[in-house]
Amino acid sequence: MSKQEFYLIGAMALVTFLIRYPLFAFSSQIRLPSQLIEALKYLPPAILTAIVVPAILMPTGDKILLSYTNAKLVGAIAAMLVGWQTQNLLATIVCGMLVFFSWQWSLTVFN
């Protein structure tokens, strides 16, 4: 790593620290409305959904693929069903991955 890259990374770390630290430093003095606190609970699922859904529906990146040939979609549907029925995160992940990989394998073998 060159000296310039080292300084650049250091400067980015410093800027990131300086824009985030005041929020943590004064967080005990700021009182947020209860409605905002309640709304913030939905932020992580919303962000995760915004990241995952395009990757599932557009596996090639150029168009939406709603077909049995989309192994990611089939695995996601299986994972949603297992998650809804069992409320078990490990079972949801394992089932979704097993269905995805087996469906993808079957598409390559039988097509």
Protein backbone atom coordinates (compact mmCIF):
# COMPACT_ATOMS: atom_id res chain seq x y z
CA MET A 1 0.00 0.00 0.00
CA SER A 2 1.38 3.36 -0.98
CA LYS A 3 1.67 6.34 1.33
CA GLN A 4 -1.13 8.16 -0.51
CA GLU A 5 -3.52 5.24 -0.11
CA PHE A 6 -2.70 5.05 3.58
CA TYR A 7 -3.45 8.77 4.03
CA LEU A 8 -6.65 8.46 1.99
CA ILE A 9 -7.94 5.57 4.11
CA GLY A 10 -6.98 7.43 7.28
CA ALA A 11 -8.78 10.58 6.12
CA MET A 12 -11.91 8.61 5.22
CA ALA A 13 -11.87 6.93 8.63
CA LEU A 14 -11.48 10.31 10.34
CA VAL A 15 -14.34 11.89 8.39
CA THR A 16 -16.57 8.91 9.10
CA PHE A 17 -15.74 9.12 12.80
CA LEU A 18 -16.32 12.87 12.97
CA ILE A 19 -19.76 12.75 11.36
CA ARG A 20 -20.95 9.85 13.52
CA TYR A 21 -19.41 10.58 16.91
CA PRO A 22 -21.62 13.57 17.84
CA LEU A 23 -24.73 11.41 17.52
CA PHE A 24 -23.33 8.94 20.03
CA ALA A 25 -21.87 11.62 22.30
CA PHE A 26 -25.15 13.50 22.66
CA SER A 27 -27.53 10.56 22.41
CA SER A 28 -28.24 10.57 26.14
CA GLN A 29 -29.34 14.22 25.97
CA ILE A 30 -31.68 13.81 23.01
CA ARG A 31 -35.19 12.51 23.60
CA LEU A 32 -36.85 11.08 20.50
CA PRO A 33 -40.63 10.83 20.23
CA SER A 34 -42.02 7.38 20.95
CA GLN A 35 -43.59 7.23 17.49
CA LEU A 36 -40.17 7.72 15.89
CA ILE A 37 -38.64 5.03 18.11
CA GLU A 38 -41.45 2.66 17.08
CA ALA A 39 -40.97 3.50 13.39
CA LEU A 40 -37.20 2.91 13.61
CA LYS A 41 -37.87 -0.72 14.56
CA TYR A 42 -38.98 -1.33 10.97
CA LEU A 43 -35.79 0.09 9.44
CA PRO A 44 -33.59 -3.08 9.46
CA PRO A 45 -36.23 -5.31 7.79
CA ALA A 46 -36.94 -2.60 5.21
CA ILE A 47 -33.26 -2.23 4.32
CA LEU A 48 -32.73 -5.99 4.17
CA THR A 49 -35.77 -6.36 1.93
CA ALA A 50 -34.49 -3.61 -0.38
CA ILE A 51 -31.21 -5.47 -0.75
CA VAL A 52 -32.49 -9.05 -1.04
CA VAL A 53 -35.61 -8.74 -3.23
CA PRO A 54 -33.85 -7.34 -6.34
CA ALA A 55 -31.19 -10.05 -6.05
CA ILE A 56 -33.90 -12.72 -5.95
CA LEU A 57 -36.20 -11.35 -8.65
CA MET A 58 -33.42 -10.27 -11.04
CA PRO A 59 -30.76 -12.99 -10.82
CA THR A 60 -29.08 -11.91 -14.06
CA GLY A 61 -29.36 -8.22 -13.21
CA ASP A 62 -31.14 -7.09 -16.35
CA LYS A 63 -34.77 -8.22 -16.07
CA ILE A 64 -37.26 -9.68 -13.61
CA LEU A 65 -37.47 -13.45 -13.83
CA LEU A 66 -40.68 -14.92 -12.35
CA SER A 67 -40.24 -18.48 -13.51
CA TYR A 68 -39.50 -21.95 -12.21
CA THR A 69 -36.05 -21.52 -13.77
CA ASN A 70 -35.19 -18.89 -11.14
CA ALA A 71 -33.64 -21.04 -8.42
CA LYS A 72 -33.23 -18.04 -6.12
CA LEU A 73 -36.95 -17.34 -6.25
CA VAL A 74 -37.85 -20.97 -5.55
CA GLY A 75 -35.41 -21.08 -2.61
CA ALA A 76 -36.74 -17.79 -1.23
CA ILE A 77 -40.34 -19.01 -1.41
CA ALA A 78 -39.39 -22.22 0.40
CA ALA A 79 -37.49 -20.21 3.04
CA MET A 80 -40.46 -17.88 3.55
CA LEU A 81 -42.82 -20.81 4.04
CA VAL A 82 -40.50 -22.54 6.52
CA GLY A 83 -39.86 -19.30 8.38
CA TRP A 84 -43.54 -18.54 8.61
CA GLN A 85 -44.38 -22.03 9.88
CA THR A 86 -41.46 -22.65 12.27
CA GLN A 87 -40.32 -19.16 13.35
CA ASN A 88 -36.83 -20.73 13.45
CA LEU A 89 -34.04 -18.76 11.77
CA LEU A 90 -31.64 -21.68 11.40
CA ALA A 91 -34.31 -23.93 9.86
CA THR A 92 -35.31 -21.13 7.49
CA ILE A 93 -31.75 -20.56 6.28
CA VAL A 94 -30.93 -24.26 5.93
CA CYS A 95 -34.16 -25.07 4.10
CA GLY A 96 -33.85 -22.09 1.77
CA MET A 97 -30.26 -22.95 0.87
CA LEU A 98 -31.04 -26.65 0.40
CA VAL A 99 -33.97 -25.91 -1.88
CA PHE A 100 -31.96 -23.30 -3.80
CA PHE A 101 -28.95 -25.56 -4.40
CA SER A 102 -31.00 -28.65 -5.19
CA TRP A 103 -33.26 -26.69 -7.57
CA GLN A 104 -30.26 -25.13 -9.29
CA TRP A 105 -28.62 -28.56 -9.60
CA SER A 106 -31.80 -30.11 -11.02
CA LEU A 107 -32.10 -27.31 -13.59
CA THR A 108 -28.56 -27.93 -14.82
CA VAL A 109 -28.95 -31.73 -14.89
CA PHE A 110 -32.40 -31.99 -16.48
CA ASN A 111 -32.14 -29.12 -18.99
